[in-house]
Amino acid sequence: MPEYLRALHERFSKASPEAIRIQRERDRILARLRGQLGKSQRILLLHLLDLEDDLRDQTSLDSFLAGIRLARGIEQELDDLPPYSFDGENEEQARKRNGGD
């Protein structure tokens, strides 16, 4: 993936207050588990959390790119339309009201 898209994503992706709250809760639970799990279990748990973070980051990036593609598609559709004319629309409406085409 081009680095400029990744940079755009980082520039415009902001953590919501809810996301920050969830991350703090996760960190609090991890701190509690640290004393209760054995070393191999902690390693597996941390690996799982790393994978979860990677998946979340990739999903966020995929969503961002889908939004860019959607915007490009809308732009292309709008480019295919004739330019909008307020006067032309008024004339068309007047013709329809008067029964002429």
N, C-alpha and C. Protein backbone atom coordinates (compact mmCIF):
# COMPACT_ATOMS: atom_id res chain seq x y z
N MET A 1 0.85 -1.17 0.00
CA MET A 1 0.00 0.00 0.00
C MET A 1 0.89 1.23 0.00
N PRO A 2 0.56 2.21 -0.84
CA PRO A 2 1.40 3.41 -0.88
C PRO A 2 1.46 4.11 0.48
N GLU A 3 2.64 4.59 0.80
CA GLU A 3 2.86 5.21 2.10
C GLU A 3 2.05 6.49 2.27
N TYR A 4 1.75 7.20 1.18
CA TYR A 4 0.99 8.44 1.32
C TYR A 4 -0.43 8.14 1.82
N LEU A 5 -1.01 7.00 1.44
CA LEU A 5 -2.34 6.65 1.95
C LEU A 5 -2.27 6.33 3.44
N ARG A 6 -1.21 5.65 3.83
CA ARG A 6 -1.03 5.36 5.25
C ARG A 6 -0.86 6.66 6.04
N ALA A 7 -0.11 7.61 5.48
CA ALA A 7 0.10 8.90 6.15
C ALA A 7 -1.22 9.67 6.25
N LEU A 8 -2.02 9.64 5.18
CA LEU A 8 -3.33 10.30 5.22
C LEU A 8 -4.21 9.68 6.30
N HIS A 9 -4.19 8.37 6.36
CA HIS A 9 -4.99 7.67 7.37
C HIS A 9 -4.58 8.10 8.77
N GLU A 10 -3.28 8.13 9.02
CA GLU A 10 -2.80 8.53 10.34
C GLU A 10 -3.16 9.98 10.64
N ARG A 11 -3.13 10.81 9.62
CA ARG A 11 -3.42 12.24 9.80
C ARG A 11 -4.88 12.46 10.19
N PHE A 12 -5.79 11.72 9.60
CA PHE A 12 -7.21 11.98 9.80
C PHE A 12 -7.90 11.01 10.75
N SER A 13 -7.21 9.99 11.21
CA SER A 13 -7.82 9.03 12.14
C SER A 13 -7.52 9.47 13.56
N LYS A 14 -8.55 9.79 14.28
CA LYS A 14 -8.41 10.22 15.67
C LYS A 14 -9.14 9.22 16.57
N ALA A 15 -8.53 8.93 17.71
CA ALA A 15 -9.16 8.03 18.67
C ALA A 15 -10.32 8.76 19.35
N SER A 16 -11.45 8.13 19.36
CA SER A 16 -12.62 8.72 20.01
C SER A 16 -12.48 8.58 21.52
N PRO A 17 -13.21 9.39 22.27
CA PRO A 17 -13.18 9.23 23.74
C PRO A 17 -13.58 7.80 24.16
N GLU A 18 -14.52 7.20 23.44
CA GLU A 18 -14.94 5.84 23.76
C GLU A 18 -13.80 4.85 23.52
N ALA A 19 -13.05 5.03 22.44
CA ALA A 19 -11.92 4.14 22.15
C ALA A 19 -10.85 4.28 23.23
N ILE A 20 -10.61 5.49 23.66
CA ILE A 20 -9.62 5.72 24.72
C ILE A 20 -10.07 5.06 26.01
N ARG A 21 -11.36 5.16 26.34
CA ARG A 21 -11.90 4.52 27.54
C ARG A 21 -11.72 3.01 27.48
N ILE A 22 -12.00 2.43 26.31
CA ILE A 22 -11.88 0.98 26.14
C ILE A 22 -10.41 0.55 26.28
N GLN A 23 -9.50 1.31 25.70
CA GLN A 23 -8.08 0.97 25.82
C GLN A 23 -7.62 1.02 27.27
N ARG A 24 -8.07 2.01 28.02
CA ARG A 24 -7.71 2.10 29.44
C ARG A 24 -8.26 0.91 30.23
N GLU A 25 -9.48 0.53 29.93
CA GLU A 25 -10.08 -0.63 30.60
C GLU A 25 -9.30 -1.89 30.27
N ARG A 26 -8.93 -2.05 29.00
CA ARG A 26 -8.14 -3.21 28.59
C ARG A 26 -6.81 -3.24 29.34
N ASP A 27 -6.14 -2.09 29.44
CA ASP A 27 -4.86 -2.02 30.14
C ASP A 27 -5.02 -2.35 31.63
N ARG A 28 -6.12 -1.91 32.22
CA ARG A 28 -6.39 -2.19 33.64
C ARG A 28 -6.56 -3.70 33.84
N ILE A 29 -7.32 -4.34 32.96
CA ILE A 29 -7.54 -5.79 33.06
C ILE A 29 -6.23 -6.54 32.84
N LEU A 30 -5.44 -6.09 31.88
CA LEU A 30 -4.15 -6.75 31.64
C LEU A 30 -3.25 -6.67 32.86
N ALA A 31 -3.25 -5.52 33.52
CA ALA A 31 -2.43 -5.37 34.72
C ALA A 31 -2.87 -6.35 35.80
N ARG A 32 -4.17 -6.55 35.94
CA ARG A 32 -4.68 -7.51 36.93
C ARG A 32 -4.30 -8.94 36.56
N LEU A 33 -4.40 -9.25 35.24
CA LEU A 33 -4.09 -10.61 34.80
C LEU A 33 -2.60 -10.93 34.91
N ARG A 34 -1.78 -9.93 34.81
CA ARG A 34 -0.32 -10.15 34.80
C ARG A 34 0.11 -10.96 36.03
N GLY A 35 -0.49 -10.67 37.17
CA GLY A 35 -0.13 -11.39 38.39
C GLY A 35 -0.80 -12.74 38.51
N GLN A 36 -1.82 -13.01 37.73
CA GLN A 36 -2.58 -14.24 37.87
C GLN A 36 -2.21 -15.31 36.84
N LEU A 37 -1.60 -14.91 35.76
CA LEU A 37 -1.27 -15.87 34.70
C LEU A 37 0.18 -16.28 34.76
N GLY A 38 0.43 -17.50 34.30
CA GLY A 38 1.80 -17.96 34.17
C GLY A 38 2.48 -17.28 32.99
N LYS A 39 3.80 -17.42 32.91
CA LYS A 39 4.57 -16.74 31.86
C LYS A 39 4.10 -17.13 30.46
N SER A 40 3.90 -18.40 30.21
CA SER A 40 3.50 -18.84 28.86
C SER A 40 2.09 -18.33 28.53
N GLN A 41 1.21 -18.27 29.54
CA GLN A 41 -0.13 -17.75 29.30
C GLN A 41 -0.10 -16.25 29.01
N ARG A 42 0.77 -15.51 29.72
CA ARG A 42 0.92 -14.07 29.47
C ARG A 42 1.43 -13.83 28.06
N ILE A 43 2.40 -14.63 27.64
CA ILE A 43 2.95 -14.47 26.29
C ILE A 43 1.87 -14.70 25.24
N LEU A 44 1.08 -15.76 25.43
CA LEU A 44 -0.01 -16.03 24.49
C LEU A 44 -1.04 -14.91 24.49
N LEU A 45 -1.39 -14.42 25.66
CA LEU A 45 -2.36 -13.33 25.76
C LEU A 45 -1.85 -12.07 25.08
N LEU A 46 -0.60 -11.73 25.33
CA LEU A 46 -0.03 -10.54 24.71
C LEU A 46 0.07 -10.70 23.19
N HIS A 47 0.39 -11.89 22.74
CA HIS A 47 0.43 -12.15 21.30
C HIS A 47 -0.98 -11.98 20.70
N LEU A 48 -1.97 -12.50 21.39
CA LEU A 48 -3.35 -12.35 20.93
C LEU A 48 -3.74 -10.88 20.86
N LEU A 49 -3.38 -10.11 21.87
CA LEU A 49 -3.70 -8.68 21.87
C LEU A 49 -2.97 -7.94 20.75
N ASP A 50 -1.72 -8.33 20.48
CA ASP A 50 -1.00 -7.72 19.36
C ASP A 50 -1.70 -8.00 18.03
N LEU A 51 -2.15 -9.24 17.86
CA LEU A 51 -2.88 -9.59 16.65
C LEU A 51 -4.19 -8.81 16.55
N GLU A 52 -4.87 -8.65 17.68
CA GLU A 52 -6.10 -7.88 17.71
C GLU A 52 -5.84 -6.43 17.31
N ASP A 53 -4.77 -5.84 17.81
CA ASP A 53 -4.41 -4.47 17.45
C ASP A 53 -4.10 -4.37 15.95
N ASP A 54 -3.36 -5.34 15.44
CA ASP A 54 -3.03 -5.35 14.00
C ASP A 54 -4.30 -5.44 13.16
N LEU A 55 -5.21 -6.31 13.59
CA LEU A 55 -6.47 -6.47 12.86
C LEU A 55 -7.28 -5.18 12.89
N ARG A 56 -7.35 -4.54 14.05
CA ARG A 56 -8.09 -3.29 14.18
C ARG A 56 -7.46 -2.21 13.29
N ASP A 57 -6.13 -2.12 13.29
CA ASP A 57 -5.46 -1.13 12.45
C ASP A 57 -5.73 -1.39 10.98
N GLN A 58 -5.67 -2.65 10.56
CA GLN A 58 -5.90 -2.98 9.16
C GLN A 58 -7.35 -2.70 8.77
N THR A 59 -8.28 -3.02 9.66
CA THR A 59 -9.70 -2.75 9.39
C THR A 59 -9.95 -1.25 9.26
N SER A 60 -9.32 -0.48 10.13
CA SER A 60 -9.46 0.97 10.07
C SER A 60 -8.90 1.52 8.76
N LEU A 61 -7.75 1.02 8.37
CA LEU A 61 -7.14 1.46 7.10
C LEU A 61 -8.00 1.05 5.91
N ASP A 62 -8.52 -0.18 5.93
CA ASP A 62 -9.39 -0.64 4.85
C ASP A 62 -10.65 0.23 4.75
N SER A 63 -11.21 0.60 5.89
CA SER A 63 -12.39 1.45 5.91
C SER A 63 -12.08 2.83 5.36
N PHE A 64 -10.93 3.38 5.75
CA PHE A 64 -10.49 4.67 5.25
C PHE A 64 -10.34 4.64 3.73
N LEU A 65 -9.70 3.59 3.23
CA LEU A 65 -9.51 3.46 1.78
C LEU A 65 -10.83 3.28 1.05
N ALA A 66 -11.76 2.56 1.65
CA ALA A 66 -13.09 2.41 1.04
C ALA A 66 -13.78 3.76 0.93
N GLY A 67 -13.62 4.61 1.95
CA GLY A 67 -14.18 5.95 1.90
C GLY A 67 -13.57 6.79 0.79
N ILE A 68 -12.26 6.67 0.62
CA ILE A 68 -11.59 7.40 -0.47
C ILE A 68 -12.09 6.90 -1.82
N ARG A 69 -12.22 5.58 -1.97
CA ARG A 69 -12.71 5.03 -3.24
C ARG A 69 -14.14 5.49 -3.52
N LEU A 70 -14.96 5.52 -2.48
CA LEU A 70 -16.33 6.00 -2.63
C LEU A 70 -16.34 7.46 -3.08
N ALA A 71 -15.53 8.28 -2.44
CA ALA A 71 -15.46 9.69 -2.82
C ALA A 71 -14.99 9.85 -4.27
N ARG A 72 -14.02 9.05 -4.67
CA ARG A 72 -13.54 9.11 -6.07
C ARG A 72 -14.65 8.70 -7.03
N GLY A 73 -15.41 7.66 -6.67
CA GLY A 73 -16.51 7.21 -7.53
C GLY A 73 -17.58 8.28 -7.67
N ILE A 74 -17.92 8.93 -6.55
CA ILE A 74 -18.91 10.00 -6.60
C ILE A 74 -18.40 11.14 -7.46
N GLU A 75 -17.13 11.48 -7.29
CA GLU A 75 -16.54 12.56 -8.09
C GLU A 75 -16.61 12.22 -9.59
N GLN A 76 -16.31 10.99 -9.93
CA GLN A 76 -16.35 10.59 -11.34
C GLN A 76 -17.77 10.65 -11.89
N GLU A 77 -18.74 10.22 -11.08
CA GLU A 77 -20.13 10.30 -11.52
C GLU A 77 -20.56 11.75 -11.73
N LEU A 78 -20.14 12.62 -10.81
CA LEU A 78 -20.49 14.03 -10.95
C LEU A 78 -19.82 14.66 -12.16
N ASP A 79 -18.61 14.21 -12.48
CA ASP A 79 -17.92 14.73 -13.66
C ASP A 79 -18.64 14.34 -14.94
N ASP A 80 -19.36 13.21 -14.93
CA ASP A 80 -20.07 12.74 -16.12
C ASP A 80 -21.37 13.49 -16.35
N LEU A 81 -21.87 14.18 -15.32
CA LEU A 81 -23.12 14.92 -15.46
C LEU A 81 -22.87 16.29 -16.10
N PRO A 82 -23.86 16.80 -16.82
CA PRO A 82 -23.68 18.16 -17.33
C PRO A 82 -23.65 19.14 -16.17
N PRO A 83 -23.00 20.28 -16.35
CA PRO A 83 -22.93 21.23 -15.24
C PRO A 83 -24.33 21.71 -14.84
N TYR A 84 -24.51 21.94 -13.57
CA TYR A 84 -25.81 22.37 -13.05
C TYR A 84 -26.03 23.84 -13.41
N SER A 85 -27.25 24.14 -13.82
CA SER A 85 -27.63 25.52 -14.13
C SER A 85 -28.93 25.84 -13.41
N PHE A 86 -28.88 26.79 -12.48
CA PHE A 86 -30.07 27.20 -11.76
C PHE A 86 -31.09 27.79 -12.73
N ASP A 87 -30.62 28.65 -13.64
CA ASP A 87 -31.52 29.26 -14.63
C ASP A 87 -32.14 28.20 -15.54
N GLY A 88 -31.33 27.24 -15.96
CA GLY A 88 -31.85 26.16 -16.80
C GLY A 88 -32.92 25.35 -16.09
N GLU A 89 -32.70 25.08 -14.80
CA GLU A 89 -33.70 24.33 -14.03
C GLU A 89 -34.99 25.14 -13.91
N ASN A 90 -34.88 26.43 -13.66
CA ASN A 90 -36.08 27.28 -13.57
C ASN A 90 -36.85 27.30 -14.89
N GLU A 91 -36.12 27.39 -15.99
CA GLU A 91 -36.78 27.38 -17.31
C GLU A 91 -37.48 26.06 -17.55
N GLU A 92 -36.83 24.96 -17.18
CA GLU A 92 -37.43 23.63 -17.36
C GLU A 92 -38.70 23.50 -16.53
N GLN A 93 -38.67 23.97 -15.30
CA GLN A 93 -39.86 23.91 -14.45
C GLN A 93 -40.98 24.78 -15.01
N ALA A 94 -40.63 25.95 -15.54
CA ALA A 94 -41.65 26.84 -16.14
C ALA A 94 -42.28 26.18 -17.35
N ARG A 95 -41.47 25.50 -18.18
CA ARG A 95 -42.01 24.79 -19.36
C ARG A 95 -42.98 23.71 -18.93
N LYS A 96 -42.62 22.96 -17.88
CA LYS A 96 -43.50 21.89 -17.40
C LYS A 96 -44.80 22.45 -16.86
N ARG A 97 -44.73 23.56 -16.14
CA ARG A 97 -45.97 24.18 -15.59
C ARG A 97 -46.88 24.68 -16.72
N ASN A 98 -46.27 25.13 -17.81
CA ASN A 98 -47.05 25.66 -18.93
C ASN A 98 -47.47 24.58 -19.91
N GLY A 99 -47.15 23.34 -19.59
CA GLY A 99 -47.57 22.23 -20.43
C GLY A 99 -46.70 22.00 -21.65
N GLY A 100 -45.63 22.71 -21.80
CA GLY A 100 -44.74 22.52 -22.94
C GLY A 100 -43.56 21.68 -22.57
N ASP A 101 -42.98 21.02 -23.57
CA ASP A 101 -41.76 20.22 -23.33
C ASP A 101 -40.67 20.81 -24.10
